[in-house]
Protein backbone atom coordinates (compact mmCIF):
# COMPACT_ATOMS: atom_id res chain seq x y z
CA UNK A 1 70.29 101.10 83.16
CA UNK A 2 71.64 104.29 85.28
CA UNK A 3 74.95 105.33 86.07
CA UNK A 4 74.13 105.43 89.42
CA UNK A 5 72.77 101.75 89.33
CA UNK A 6 75.83 100.54 87.67
CA UNK A 7 77.82 102.32 90.08
CA UNK A 8 76.07 100.63 93.23
CA UNK A 9 76.31 97.52 91.27
CA UNK A 10 80.22 97.61 91.01
CA UNK A 11 80.36 98.70 94.59
CA UNK A 12 78.27 95.65 95.78
CA UNK A 13 80.40 93.20 94.04
CA UNK A 14 83.64 94.76 95.70
CA UNK A 15 81.90 94.86 99.04
CA UNK A 16 81.03 91.02 98.67
CA UNK A 17 84.49 90.16 97.57
CA UNK A 18 85.98 92.21 100.49
CA UNK A 19 83.54 90.42 103.22
CA UNK A 20 84.48 87.16 101.48
CA UNK A 21 88.40 87.69 101.87
CA UNK A 22 87.49 88.92 105.49
CA UNK A 23 85.64 85.39 106.08
CA UNK A 24 88.95 83.68 104.71
CA UNK A 25 91.18 85.58 106.92
CA UNK A 26 89.37 84.32 109.77
CA UNK A 27 89.01 80.82 108.81
CA UNK A 28 92.98 80.10 108.67
CA UNK A 29 93.75 77.35 110.76
CA UNK A 30 96.44 74.76 111.11
CA UNK A 31 95.80 73.20 107.74
CA UNK A 32 97.10 76.24 106.06
CA UNK A 33 100.29 75.51 108.09
CA UNK A 34 100.24 71.87 107.15
CA UNK A 35 100.25 72.85 103.48
CA UNK A 36 102.95 75.19 103.62
CA UNK A 37 105.19 72.53 105.57
CA UNK A 38 104.13 69.83 103.10
CA UNK A 39 105.33 72.10 100.39
CA UNK A 40 108.48 72.89 101.68
CA UNK A 41 109.23 68.95 102.32
CA UNK A 42 108.67 68.12 98.99
CA UNK A 43 112.38 67.98 98.04
CA UNK A 44 112.37 65.07 95.33
CA UNK A 45 109.04 65.69 93.46
CA UNK A 46 107.14 68.49 91.88
CA UNK A 47 104.19 70.57 92.95
CA UNK A 48 101.26 70.06 90.60
CA UNK A 49 98.10 72.31 90.57
CA UNK A 50 95.01 71.52 89.21
CA UNK A 51 91.08 72.67 88.88
CA UNK A 52 88.18 72.92 86.76
CA UNK A 53 86.33 75.99 85.28
CA UNK A 54 87.26 79.19 87.28
CA UNK A 55 88.98 77.04 89.78
CA UNK A 56 91.09 75.77 87.08
CA UNK A 57 92.08 79.25 86.13
CA UNK A 58 92.76 79.94 90.00
CA UNK A 59 94.87 76.97 90.01
CA UNK A 60 97.07 78.18 86.79
CA UNK A 61 97.48 81.62 88.78
CA UNK A 62 98.75 79.33 91.77
CA UNK A 63 101.18 77.27 90.06
CA UNK A 64 102.68 80.44 88.25
CA UNK A 65 103.17 82.36 91.67
CA UNK A 66 104.90 79.40 93.21
CA UNK A 67 106.97 78.85 90.42
CA UNK A 68 108.19 82.61 90.45
CA UNK A 69 108.92 82.70 93.90
CA UNK A 70 111.03 79.69 94.44
CA UNK A 71 108.66 76.56 94.54
CA UNK A 72 108.64 74.59 91.35
CA UNK A 73 105.20 73.68 90.14
CA UNK A 74 102.75 73.66 87.48
CA UNK A 75 99.56 73.63 86.41
CA UNK A 76 97.78 70.38 85.01
CA UNK A 77 94.42 70.70 83.03
CA UNK A 78 92.22 68.59 85.18
CA UNK A 79 89.93 67.66 82.06
CA UNK A 80 92.99 66.33 80.13
CA UNK A 81 94.39 64.44 83.03
CA UNK A 82 91.96 61.56 82.50
CA UNK A 83 93.31 61.37 79.08
CA UNK A 84 96.96 60.57 79.43
CA UNK A 85 98.01 63.81 81.47
CA UNK A 86 98.02 61.93 84.69
CA UNK A 87 101.11 60.44 83.74
CA UNK A 88 102.65 63.54 84.83
CA UNK A 89 102.10 62.47 88.43
CA UNK A 90 104.94 60.49 89.87
CA UNK A 91 106.05 59.60 93.17
CA UNK A 92 106.76 62.08 95.85
CA UNK A 93 104.89 64.61 93.94
CA UNK A 94 102.35 66.70 95.69
CA UNK A 95 99.15 67.28 94.11
CA UNK A 96 96.80 70.51 94.76
CA UNK A 97 93.41 70.13 93.68
CA UNK A 98 91.07 73.42 93.78
CA UNK A 99 87.20 73.03 93.81
CA UNK A 100 84.59 75.07 95.56
CA UNK A 101 82.12 71.92 95.66
CA UNK A 102 84.72 69.60 96.03
CA UNK A 103 82.88 67.08 93.50
CA UNK A 104 83.71 68.04 89.94
CA UNK A 105 83.67 64.66 88.15
CA UNK A 106 86.81 65.65 86.29
CA UNK A 107 88.74 65.60 89.57
CA UNK A 108 87.61 62.31 91.01
CA UNK A 109 89.94 60.24 88.65
CA UNK A 110 92.71 62.08 89.80
CA UNK A 111 91.68 61.70 93.45
CA UNK A 112 91.70 57.93 92.75
CA UNK A 113 95.14 57.96 91.32
CA UNK A 114 96.81 59.83 93.99
CA UNK A 115 94.88 57.43 96.49
CA UNK A 116 96.40 54.67 95.04
CA UNK A 117 100.08 55.90 95.76
CA UNK A 118 100.88 56.46 99.19
CA UNK A 119 104.28 58.60 98.03
CA UNK A 120 101.97 61.06 96.24
CA UNK A 121 100.22 63.57 98.82
CA UNK A 122 97.14 65.04 97.93
CA UNK A 123 96.04 68.81 99.19
CA UNK A 124 92.33 69.54 98.79
CA UNK A 125 91.26 73.26 98.61
CA UNK A 126 87.53 73.26 98.84
CA UNK A 127 84.54 74.74 100.85
CA UNK A 128 82.39 71.40 101.09
CA UNK A 129 83.39 69.60 104.22
CA UNK A 130 81.54 66.61 103.01
CA UNK A 131 82.89 66.38 99.70
CA UNK A 132 84.96 63.57 97.93
CA UNK A 133 87.96 65.89 97.63
CA UNK A 134 88.14 67.00 101.38
CA UNK A 135 87.42 63.21 102.63
CA UNK A 136 90.34 61.94 100.73
CA UNK A 137 93.02 64.83 100.76
CA UNK A 138 96.14 64.21 102.81
CA UNK A 139 95.66 67.75 103.97
CA UNK A 140 92.43 69.39 103.51
CA UNK A 141 92.07 73.14 103.56
CA UNK A 142 88.46 74.40 104.36
CA UNK A 143 87.45 77.77 102.56
CA UNK A 144 84.19 79.03 104.42
CA UNK A 145 80.80 79.12 102.71
CA UNK A 146 81.07 82.48 100.82
CA UNK A 147 78.34 84.86 99.10
CA UNK A 148 79.01 85.09 95.48
CA UNK A 149 79.26 88.63 94.14
CA UNK A 150 76.72 88.12 91.31
CA UNK A 151 73.07 87.63 91.01
CA UNK A 152 71.41 84.69 92.65
CA UNK A 153 74.58 83.68 94.25
CA UNK A 154 75.53 81.49 91.01
CA UNK A 155 78.65 83.35 89.15
CA UNK A 156 82.00 82.13 90.85
CA UNK A 157 83.24 85.64 92.09
CA UNK A 158 83.83 85.96 95.98
CA UNK A 159 84.74 82.30 95.91
CA UNK A 160 87.69 82.74 93.33
CA UNK A 161 88.95 85.77 95.10
CA UNK A 162 89.00 83.72 98.41
CA UNK A 163 91.18 80.90 96.51
CA UNK A 164 93.28 83.07 94.86
CA UNK A 165 94.04 84.96 97.94
CA UNK A 166 94.93 81.86 99.75
CA UNK A 167 97.19 80.75 96.88
CA UNK A 168 99.16 84.02 97.07
CA UNK A 169 99.28 83.53 100.86
CA UNK A 170 100.86 80.20 100.58
CA UNK A 171 103.28 81.22 97.87
CA UNK A 172 104.72 84.12 100.06
CA UNK A 173 104.76 81.82 102.98
CA UNK A 174 107.05 79.53 100.90
CA UNK A 175 108.85 82.44 99.77
CA UNK A 176 109.71 83.72 102.90
CA UNK A 177 110.57 80.22 104.29
CA UNK A 178 113.23 79.86 101.82
CA UNK A 179 114.66 83.11 102.26
CA UNK A 180 113.88 83.74 98.46
CA UNK A 181 114.87 87.34 97.79
CA UNK A 182 114.73 90.01 95.14
CA UNK A 183 117.97 88.64 93.36
CA UNK A 184 116.71 85.20 93.22
CA UNK A 185 113.30 86.64 92.06
CA UNK A 186 115.07 88.71 89.63
CA UNK A 187 116.78 85.65 88.16
CA UNK A 188 113.35 84.05 87.30
CA UNK A 189 112.04 87.26 85.82
CA UNK A 190 114.65 88.39 83.48
CA UNK A 191 112.50 89.85 80.92
CA UNK A 192 109.87 91.25 83.20
CA UNK A 193 109.64 95.06 84.24
CA UNK A 194 110.38 94.09 88.02
CA UNK A 195 113.31 92.50 86.95
CA UNK A 196 114.69 95.84 85.43
CA UNK A 197 113.71 97.36 88.30
CA UNK A 198 115.72 95.30 90.28
CA UNK A 199 119.07 95.33 88.14
CA UNK A 200 122.03 96.19 90.19
CA UNK A 201 125.21 97.90 89.08
CA UNK A 202 126.49 94.72 89.11
CA UNK A 203 124.74 93.56 86.24
CA UNK A 204 125.57 96.71 84.01
CA UNK A 205 129.19 97.86 85.44
CA UNK A 206 132.29 97.46 82.92
CA UNK A 207 134.79 95.31 84.61
CA UNK A 208 138.18 94.20 83.91
CA UNK A 209 140.28 95.93 80.70
CA UNK A 210 137.26 98.25 80.29
CA UNK A 211 137.89 100.26 83.31
CA UNK A 212 139.89 103.07 82.52
CA UNK A 213 142.42 102.69 84.99
CA UNK A 214 145.69 104.92 84.79
CA UNK A 215 148.69 105.35 87.00
CA UNK A 216 148.42 108.28 89.17
CA UNK A 217 151.96 109.05 88.20
CA UNK A 218 151.22 109.45 84.61
CA UNK A 219 152.14 112.80 83.00
CA UNK A 220 149.03 114.79 81.50
CA UNK A 221 150.84 115.12 78.35
CA UNK A 222 149.68 111.41 77.91
CA UNK A 223 146.05 112.05 79.22
CA UNK A 224 144.27 112.78 76.00
CA UNK A 225 145.22 109.77 74.20
CA UNK A 226 144.21 107.48 77.24
CA UNK A 227 140.94 109.34 77.75
CA UNK A 228 140.12 108.92 73.76
CA UNK A 229 141.04 105.23 73.96
CA UNK A 230 138.76 104.30 76.66
CA UNK A 231 135.94 106.30 75.17
CA UNK A 232 134.11 106.96 78.53
CA UNK A 233 135.39 110.34 79.23
CA UNK A 234 136.93 109.60 82.40
CA UNK A 235 140.07 107.92 83.75
CA UNK A 236 140.48 106.33 87.18
CA UNK A 237 144.01 106.74 88.84
CA UNK A 238 145.34 104.36 91.04
CA UNK A 239 148.87 104.03 93.10
CA UNK A 240 151.50 100.98 92.75
CA UNK A 241 149.34 99.04 95.52
CA UNK A 242 146.34 98.95 93.11
CA UNK A 243 143.91 101.34 95.51
CA UNK A 244 142.11 103.96 93.89
CA UNK A 245 143.30 107.56 94.20
CA UNK A 246 141.25 109.78 92.22
CA UNK A 247 138.90 110.40 88.86
CA UNK A 248 139.32 112.92 86.38
CA UNK A 249 136.72 113.75 83.55
CA UNK A 250 137.59 115.28 80.10
CA UNK A 251 135.92 118.29 81.37
CA UNK A 252 138.53 118.31 84.07
CA UNK A 253 141.29 118.09 81.72
CA UNK A 254 140.12 121.07 79.53
CA UNK A 255 139.95 123.40 83.04
CA UNK A 256 143.48 122.28 84.24
CA UNK A 257 144.99 122.95 80.69
CA UNK A 258 143.50 126.47 80.98
CA UNK A 259 144.89 127.24 84.39
CA UNK A 260 148.48 125.72 84.28
CA UNK A 261 151.23 126.74 81.87
CA UNK A 262 153.05 123.65 82.52
CA UNK A 263 150.22 121.43 82.13
CA UNK A 264 151.80 118.96 80.07
CA UNK A 265 154.50 118.19 82.59
CA UNK A 266 152.26 117.84 85.67
CA UNK A 267 151.52 114.39 87.19
CA UNK A 268 147.97 113.17 87.40
CA UNK A 269 148.15 113.09 91.25
CA UNK A 270 148.84 116.68 91.35
CA UNK A 271 145.58 117.50 89.98
CA UNK A 272 143.19 114.69 90.15
CA UNK A 273 139.84 114.64 91.83
CA UNK A 274 140.56 112.67 94.94
CA UNK A 275 137.35 111.90 96.05
CA UNK A 276 135.57 109.74 93.48
CA UNK A 277 131.87 108.56 94.17
CA UNK A 278 131.97 104.96 94.63
CA UNK A 279 128.79 102.81 95.18
CA UNK A 280 128.41 99.13 96.34
CA UNK A 281 128.17 96.50 93.87
CA UNK A 282 124.84 95.52 95.14
CA UNK A 283 123.32 98.91 94.53
CA UNK A 284 120.32 99.00 92.34
CA UNK A 285 120.98 100.60 89.12
CA UNK A 286 117.99 103.03 89.46
CA UNK A 287 119.75 104.40 92.58
CA UNK A 288 123.06 104.85 90.73
CA UNK A 289 121.03 106.95 88.27
CA UNK A 290 119.61 108.76 90.84
CA UNK A 291 122.74 109.63 92.26
CA UNK A 292 124.28 110.54 89.01
CA UNK A 293 121.62 113.13 88.33
CA UNK A 294 121.73 114.31 91.92
CA UNK A 295 125.41 114.95 91.11
CA UNK A 296 125.36 115.83 87.74
CA UNK A 297 128.11 112.94 86.85
CA UNK A 298 127.92 110.21 84.14
CA UNK A 299 129.87 107.50 85.83
CA UNK A 300 130.42 106.00 89.15
CA UNK A 301 133.19 103.89 90.60
CA UNK A 302 132.11 100.44 91.89
CA UNK A 303 133.34 98.64 95.02
CA UNK A 304 132.74 95.63 96.75
CA UNK A 305 132.12 95.01 100.83
CA UNK A 306 132.93 98.23 101.83
CA UNK A 307 136.34 98.29 100.32
CA UNK A 308 135.55 102.02 98.95
CA UNK A 309 139.14 102.63 97.70
CA UNK A 310 139.23 99.36 95.62
CA UNK A 311 137.15 99.81 92.34
CA UNK A 312 136.30 96.58 90.71
CA UNK A 313 134.08 98.38 87.76
CA UNK A 314 132.58 101.35 86.44
CA UNK A 315 128.99 102.02 85.84
CA UNK A 316 127.95 104.67 83.05
CA UNK A 317 124.82 106.49 82.88
CA UNK A 318 124.60 104.98 79.10
CA UNK A 319 124.67 101.57 80.34
CA UNK A 320 121.60 102.20 82.74
CA UNK A 321 119.61 104.10 80.29
CA UNK A 322 120.24 101.51 77.78
CA UNK A 323 118.42 99.29 79.93
CA UNK A 324 115.42 100.88 80.25
CA UNK A 325 115.80 102.13 83.69
CA UNK A 326 114.69 105.64 84.48
């Protein structure tokens, strides 16, 4: 097959799938709202997603996306449901069944099971208004009749794209309704690449006794030991009220020593840098790293609630880099 022919076929598939999404967008109705409402009101139960074949794969994606965005849910294999897995469904649960035809044999047993218990709500996702699934669902979402992208309209392609998009849309609607934010997302994805990007200085900063605090009245003769003990290359000076008054680095100390003959008798507050750069506790670590690079420094003070002069932590460039943030 010629290169241009293959290129044309690929474009044609993408075109058909785009058209399917356009049809889906136009078909969104009150039923989609009812699905979101039902899921949000599921306080004492679970959200269980199931499907057969390619729709089963989409169902698994629905469950994964809902779970990762604040709606506890899991996938149930429709084939195994009739062999004991139906026991996973209990009162107050919501069962979502996805089927293009709405007539898959594997789903009929689940439909019958949910119908016997009024406390179990069934959501049907199908493109067949006359199907068993559509007629027996508490809330039925009708996906429009869609032309599949493959030859002879037999390979599930455009229809599964529509199912997938609908699931993502419902998950995001639930997410927004729950005010699920980036910090919540980070908790559910502790090892993911997105979680790394969402780390804040609060996740990585040094606190408590690890912060290299010294009194602003300390003499410079004692500074070398202090900075060596903390092993961060910096010291943070505070006054008697625990207010941050400045910062000094090992490089600063060497320059000051060359400039003043009576260096050892000087008090730190006489030579300290009185404008330490401080960031809020919720600042993204990536942003803190960018700030360090732009200022050519290796550490930042950390404050909370606009109390810039009240240092509660120190974020060091090495700790950011060790977390694979760049």
